[in-house]
Protein backbone atom coordinates (compact mmCIF):
# COMPACT_ATOMS: atom_id res chain seq x y z
CA UNK A 1 2.32 5.47 13.84
CA UNK A 2 4.74 2.76 15.11
CA UNK A 3 4.84 -0.63 13.33
CA UNK A 4 5.57 -1.92 10.18
CA UNK A 5 4.44 -0.51 6.55
CA UNK A 6 3.89 -2.77 3.39
CA UNK A 7 3.90 -1.08 -0.06
CA UNK A 8 2.55 -2.43 -3.14
CA UNK A 9 1.97 0.75 -5.36
CA UNK A 10 1.89 -0.32 -8.93
CA UNK A 11 0.48 -3.52 -10.69
CA UNK A 12 1.31 -5.78 -7.72
CA UNK A 13 4.42 -3.96 -7.22
CA UNK A 14 6.28 -1.08 -5.56
CA UNK A 15 7.35 0.59 -8.93
CA UNK A 16 9.32 3.81 -8.19
CA UNK A 17 8.31 3.37 -4.43
CA UNK A 18 5.33 5.96 -3.94
CA UNK A 19 3.85 6.60 -1.47
CA UNK A 20 6.19 3.94 0.67
CA UNK A 21 9.48 5.93 0.36
CA UNK A 22 8.41 9.17 1.12
CA UNK A 23 6.30 7.69 4.25
CA UNK A 24 9.62 6.14 5.27
CA UNK A 25 11.62 9.41 4.48
CA UNK A 26 9.15 11.37 6.77
CA UNK A 27 8.72 8.32 9.30
CA UNK A 28 12.12 6.83 9.71
CA UNK A 29 10.86 4.53 12.99
CA UNK A 30 8.46 2.37 10.68
CA UNK A 31 9.64 -0.74 9.11
CA UNK A 32 9.26 -0.87 5.26
CA UNK A 33 8.64 -4.09 3.15
CA UNK A 34 8.23 -3.23 -0.25
CA UNK A 35 7.30 -5.98 -3.08
CA UNK A 36 8.35 -5.43 -6.61
CA UNK A 37 8.12 -8.40 -9.18
CA UNK A 38 10.05 -6.55 -11.90
CA UNK A 39 13.95 -7.15 -10.87
CA UNK A 40 14.96 -3.63 -12.80
CA UNK A 41 12.51 -1.96 -10.35
CA UNK A 42 13.91 -3.99 -7.14
CA UNK A 43 17.32 -2.83 -8.20
CA UNK A 44 16.02 0.74 -8.48
CA UNK A 45 14.41 0.47 -5.08
CA UNK A 46 17.81 -0.93 -3.37
CA UNK A 47 20.12 1.52 -4.59
CA UNK A 48 17.21 4.47 -3.70
CA UNK A 49 17.09 3.07 -0.21
CA UNK A 50 21.04 3.01 -0.11
CA UNK A 51 21.64 6.56 -1.47
CA UNK A 52 18.66 7.73 1.05
CA UNK A 53 20.46 5.79 3.87
CA UNK A 54 17.14 4.46 4.63
CA UNK A 55 17.52 2.08 7.43
CA UNK A 56 14.78 -1.27 8.34
CA UNK A 57 13.58 -1.48 5.02
CA UNK A 58 13.16 -4.98 3.03
CA UNK A 59 12.88 -4.94 -0.69
CA UNK A 60 11.54 -8.15 -2.25
CA UNK A 61 11.89 -9.14 -5.70
CA UNK A 62 8.30 -10.78 -5.63
CA UNK A 63 4.35 -10.47 -6.55
CA UNK A 64 2.34 -9.31 -3.73
CA UNK A 65 0.03 -12.21 -4.51
CA UNK A 66 2.65 -15.07 -4.15
CA UNK A 67 3.63 -13.32 -0.43
CA UNK A 68 -0.29 -14.00 0.90
CA UNK A 69 0.46 -17.54 0.66
CA UNK A 70 3.56 -17.39 3.17
CA UNK A 71 2.85 -16.99 6.97
CA UNK A 72 5.40 -14.76 7.80
CA UNK A 73 3.65 -11.80 6.18
CA UNK A 74 -0.11 -12.71 7.27
CA UNK A 75 -1.29 -10.06 9.79
CA UNK A 76 2.12 -8.48 10.33
CA UNK A 77 1.68 -4.98 8.97
CA UNK A 78 -0.11 -1.86 10.34
CA UNK A 79 -0.14 -0.08 6.77
CA UNK A 80 -0.68 -1.33 3.39
CA UNK A 81 -0.17 1.39 0.44
CA UNK A 82 -1.62 0.75 -2.90
CA UNK A 83 -1.62 2.93 -5.89
CA UNK A 84 -2.70 1.67 -9.24
CA UNK A 85 -3.28 -2.00 -8.29
CA UNK A 86 -6.74 -2.36 -9.65
CA UNK A 87 -10.54 -2.13 -8.32
CA UNK A 88 -10.54 -1.25 -4.44
CA UNK A 89 -12.66 -4.50 -3.63
CA UNK A 90 -9.85 -6.62 -5.05
CA UNK A 91 -7.27 -4.27 -3.08
CA UNK A 92 -8.91 -4.91 0.08
CA UNK A 93 -9.09 -8.68 -0.37
CA UNK A 94 -5.42 -8.70 -1.39
CA UNK A 95 -4.36 -6.58 1.63
CA UNK A 96 -6.70 -8.18 4.24
CA UNK A 97 -4.13 -10.87 4.74
CA UNK A 98 -1.23 -8.60 5.56
CA UNK A 99 -2.94 -6.49 8.06
CA UNK A 100 -3.47 -6.94 11.39
CA UNK A 101 -6.72 -6.07 13.23
CA UNK A 102 -6.70 -2.24 13.05
CA UNK A 103 -4.36 -1.92 10.68
CA UNK A 104 -4.93 0.56 7.44
CA UNK A 105 -5.14 0.24 3.71
CA UNK A 106 -4.24 3.34 2.07
CA UNK A 107 -5.48 3.24 -1.38
CA UNK A 108 -4.85 6.16 -3.90
CA UNK A 109 -7.73 6.28 -6.16
CA UNK A 110 -9.04 8.17 -9.53
CA UNK A 111 -12.60 8.80 -10.87
CA UNK A 112 -15.22 5.92 -10.16
CA UNK A 113 -14.13 5.77 -6.55
CA UNK A 114 -17.47 6.26 -5.26
CA UNK A 115 -18.65 3.17 -6.91
CA UNK A 116 -15.72 1.10 -5.89
CA UNK A 117 -16.58 2.36 -2.36
CA UNK A 118 -20.20 0.91 -2.55
CA UNK A 119 -18.70 -2.35 -3.66
CA UNK A 120 -16.44 -2.48 -0.20
CA UNK A 121 -19.77 -2.94 1.99
CA UNK A 122 -19.90 -6.10 0.81
CA UNK A 123 -16.65 -7.15 2.35
CA UNK A 124 -16.35 -8.60 5.64
CA UNK A 125 -13.92 -7.36 8.34
CA UNK A 126 -13.08 -3.96 6.69
CA UNK A 127 -14.80 -0.42 6.65
CA UNK A 128 -14.22 2.74 5.35
CA UNK A 129 -12.32 4.94 7.82
CA UNK A 130 -11.73 7.87 5.66
CA UNK A 131 -11.72 9.43 1.88
CA UNK A 132 -9.32 12.37 1.21
CA UNK A 133 -9.88 14.59 -1.85
CA UNK A 134 -6.15 15.24 -3.29
CA UNK A 135 -6.53 17.80 -6.00
CA UNK A 136 -3.71 18.59 -8.08
CA UNK A 137 -4.34 21.63 -9.50
CA UNK A 138 -0.84 22.32 -11.55
CA UNK A 139 -2.40 19.24 -13.77
CA UNK A 140 -5.91 19.49 -13.34
CA UNK A 141 -6.28 16.34 -11.65
CA UNK A 142 -8.75 14.78 -9.01
CA UNK A 143 -7.84 11.82 -7.03
CA UNK A 144 -8.61 10.43 -3.59
CA UNK A 145 -6.76 8.87 -0.73
CA UNK A 146 -9.24 5.81 0.49
CA UNK A 147 -8.42 4.66 3.94
CA UNK A 148 -9.93 1.26 4.73
CA UNK A 149 -9.72 -0.11 8.14
CA UNK A 150 -9.51 -3.88 9.03
CA UNK A 151 -11.89 -4.75 11.75
CA UNK A 152 -12.64 -7.87 13.53
C-alpha cells in the first residue's frame, strides 16, 4: 500500500499511536498523519517518533472533527484507522471526508459490531470490504477489525 495513512484511534485522537505507529514501523514508505487533541499525548507521539526515527510523519495537536473543515485534508488519505472512536456509522461519516475514492477505513470494534455493520447499509459511498475476527486468548477478549471501503 503506497500512500497516506491518517490515524484517529481514541476519542477523536491518536492516543498512544495504536494502530498507526505499528503500521508505520512495518511500512516505512507510508506518510502518516496523526491527530490528537490532548497536548500531553501529542508530545508523547512526537517523542516516540523521534526515538523510533520515523520519517514522513505529521502529528497534529487537533481534534479530528476540526480537520474535516480543512480542504488540505479532504480526500487525501488511502487509509484511516480508528479505535475507540464511537459507533461505526459515525466513524464512517467522519472518515469519508478524509478518504480518497477506494480508500479504506480500518476500525477496531468490540461486541455489538454486527448491529453496527448493519447500520452502515444506509450510508452512501461506502461498503464493508472485510471483517476480521481478532481473538486475544491471553485475556479472553474478542474484537473485530472492520474494513470499510469508500466507493463512488
